[in-house]
Amino acid sequence: MWKERESPLRIEKRFEFDQYSKISKFMGKIEQLCKESDIYPNISFGKNFISLSIFLNNKEISDKEKDFSINIDKFYLED
């Protein structure tokens, strides 16, 4: 579940991985989606996780941002 945060307004989610190699594959999928959708989240990662923050331009999440987050979730479930 993506969490809504304020100051600044954004949605965030942390994805856990059991192998570092899966992080690289996931990041590649995120990179392609960013280019296609023109949404560039803040990304942080460590040995077994990736955290994404999507900063919202409006007071609520747009359809474009919803679709982006749904696609990220699908990528995660594929692995």
C-alpha atoms as a PDB file:
ATOM      1  CA  MET A   1       0.000   0.000   0.000  1.00  0.00           C
ATOM      2  CA  TRP A   2       1.333   3.411  -0.964  1.00  0.00           C
ATOM      3  CA  LYS A   3       1.282   5.889   1.928  1.00  0.00           C
ATOM      4  CA  GLU A   4       0.314   9.521   1.517  1.00  0.00           C
ATOM      5  CA  ARG A   5       2.582  12.055   3.223  1.00  0.00           C
ATOM      6  CA  GLU A   6       2.449  15.816   3.640  1.00  0.00           C
ATOM      7  CA  SER A   7       5.063  18.599   3.644  1.00  0.00           C
ATOM      8  CA  PRO A   8       5.777  18.103   0.805  1.00  0.00           C
ATOM      9  CA  LEU A   9       2.777  16.224  -0.549  1.00  0.00           C
ATOM     10  CA  ARG A  10       3.839  12.805  -1.846  1.00  0.00           C
ATOM     11  CA  ILE A  11       3.142   9.089  -1.885  1.00  0.00           C
ATOM     12  CA  GLU A  12       5.752   6.592  -0.689  1.00  0.00           C
ATOM     13  CA  LYS A  13       6.337   2.877  -0.667  1.00  0.00           C
ATOM     14  CA  ARG A  14       9.134   0.536   0.393  1.00  0.00           C
ATOM     15  CA  PHE A  15       9.776  -2.683  -1.523  1.00  0.00           C
ATOM     16  CA  GLU A  16      11.671  -5.554   0.143  1.00  0.00           C
ATOM     17  CA  PHE A  17      13.886  -8.057  -1.715  1.00  0.00           C
ATOM     18  CA  ASP A  18      15.576 -11.290  -0.681  1.00  0.00           C
ATOM     19  CA  GLN A  19      18.415 -10.879  -3.205  1.00  0.00           C
ATOM     20  CA  TYR A  20      20.353  -7.801  -4.268  1.00  0.00           C
ATOM     21  CA  SER A  21      20.247  -8.955  -7.912  1.00  0.00           C
ATOM     22  CA  LYS A  22      16.465  -8.527  -7.902  1.00  0.00           C
ATOM     23  CA  ILE A  23      16.913  -4.860  -6.956  1.00  0.00           C
ATOM     24  CA  SER A  24      18.897  -4.227 -10.137  1.00  0.00           C
ATOM     25  CA  LYS A  25      16.231  -5.851 -12.311  1.00  0.00           C
ATOM     26  CA  PHE A  26      13.457  -3.894 -10.559  1.00  0.00           C
ATOM     27  CA  MET A  27      15.380  -0.630 -10.991  1.00  0.00           C
ATOM     28  CA  GLY A  28      15.665  -1.296 -14.733  1.00  0.00           C
ATOM     29  CA  LYS A  29      11.896  -1.649 -14.999  1.00  0.00           C
ATOM     30  CA  ILE A  30      11.388   1.539 -12.995  1.00  0.00           C
ATOM     31  CA  GLU A  31      13.818   3.403 -15.265  1.00  0.00           C
ATOM     32  CA  GLN A  32      11.900   2.418 -18.390  1.00  0.00           C
ATOM     33  CA  LEU A  33       8.550   3.342 -16.831  1.00  0.00           C
ATOM     34  CA  CYS A  34       9.934   6.751 -15.788  1.00  0.00           C
ATOM     35  CA  LYS A  35      10.959   7.484 -19.360  1.00  0.00           C
ATOM     36  CA  GLU A  36       7.570   6.385 -20.718  1.00  0.00           C
ATOM     37  CA  SER A  37       5.446   8.277 -18.197  1.00  0.00           C
ATOM     38  CA  ASP A  38       7.697  11.290 -17.528  1.00  0.00           C
ATOM     39  CA  ILE A  39       7.451  10.723 -13.767  1.00  0.00           C
ATOM     40  CA  TYR A  40      10.722  10.614 -11.850  1.00  0.00           C
ATOM     41  CA  PRO A  41      10.350   9.552  -8.210  1.00  0.00           C
ATOM     42  CA  ASN A  42      12.986   9.940  -5.544  1.00  0.00           C
ATOM     43  CA  ILE A  43      14.602   6.538  -5.092  1.00  0.00           C
ATOM     44  CA  SER A  44      16.698   5.210  -2.254  1.00  0.00           C
ATOM     45  CA  PHE A  45      17.905   1.659  -1.852  1.00  0.00           C
ATOM     46  CA  GLY A  46      19.984  -0.601   0.287  1.00  0.00           C
ATOM     47  CA  LYS A  47      21.043  -4.222   0.397  1.00  0.00           C
ATOM     48  CA  ASN A  48      17.483  -5.567   0.479  1.00  0.00           C
ATOM     49  CA  PHE A  49      15.062  -2.704  -0.245  1.00  0.00           C
ATOM     50  CA  ILE A  50      14.037   0.128  -2.545  1.00  0.00           C
ATOM     51  CA  SER A  51      12.022   3.116  -1.319  1.00  0.00           C
ATOM     52  CA  LEU A  52      10.159   5.348  -3.760  1.00  0.00           C
ATOM     53  CA  SER A  53       8.654   8.789  -3.180  1.00  0.00           C
ATOM     54  CA  ILE A  54       6.466  10.373  -5.845  1.00  0.00           C
ATOM     55  CA  PHE A  55       5.983  14.082  -5.249  1.00  0.00           C
ATOM     56  CA  LEU A  56       2.510  15.269  -6.248  1.00  0.00           C
ATOM     57  CA  ASN A  57       1.925  18.395  -8.298  1.00  0.00           C
ATOM     58  CA  ASN A  58      -1.649  18.823  -7.103  1.00  0.00           C
ATOM     59  CA  LYS A  59      -3.471  18.436  -3.814  1.00  0.00           C
ATOM     60  CA  GLU A  60      -4.361  14.876  -4.763  1.00  0.00           C
ATOM     61  CA  ILE A  61      -2.843  12.079  -6.767  1.00  0.00           C
ATOM     62  CA  SER A  62      -3.485  12.337 -10.524  1.00  0.00           C
ATOM     63  CA  ASP A  63      -4.529   9.453 -12.765  1.00  0.00           C
ATOM     64  CA  LYS A  64      -1.055   9.527 -14.306  1.00  0.00           C
ATOM     65  CA  GLU A  65       0.552   9.129 -10.865  1.00  0.00           C
ATOM     66  CA  LYS A  66      -1.945   6.399  -9.904  1.00  0.00           C
ATOM     67  CA  ASP A  67      -1.155   4.459 -13.066  1.00  0.00           C
ATOM     68  CA  PHE A  68       2.570   4.864 -12.419  1.00  0.00           C
ATOM     69  CA  SER A  69       2.282   3.492  -8.870  1.00  0.00           C
ATOM     70  CA  ILE A  70       0.063   0.599 -10.033  1.00  0.00           C
ATOM     71  CA  ASN A  71       2.641  -0.361 -12.665  1.00  0.00           C
ATOM     72  CA  ILE A  72       5.441  -0.270 -10.088  1.00  0.00           C
ATOM     73  CA  ASP A  73       3.406  -2.640  -7.898  1.00  0.00           C
ATOM     74  CA  LYS A  74       2.920  -4.989 -10.871  1.00  0.00           C
ATOM     75  CA  PHE A  75       6.668  -5.050 -11.546  1.00  0.00           C
ATOM     76  CA  TYR A  76       7.299  -5.972  -7.926  1.00  0.00           C
ATOM     77  CA  LEU A  77       4.768  -8.806  -8.008  1.00  0.00           C
ATOM     78  CA  GLU A  78       6.307 -10.236 -11.199  1.00  0.00           C
ATOM     79  CA  ASP A  79       9.580 -11.079  -9.446  1.00  0.00           C
END
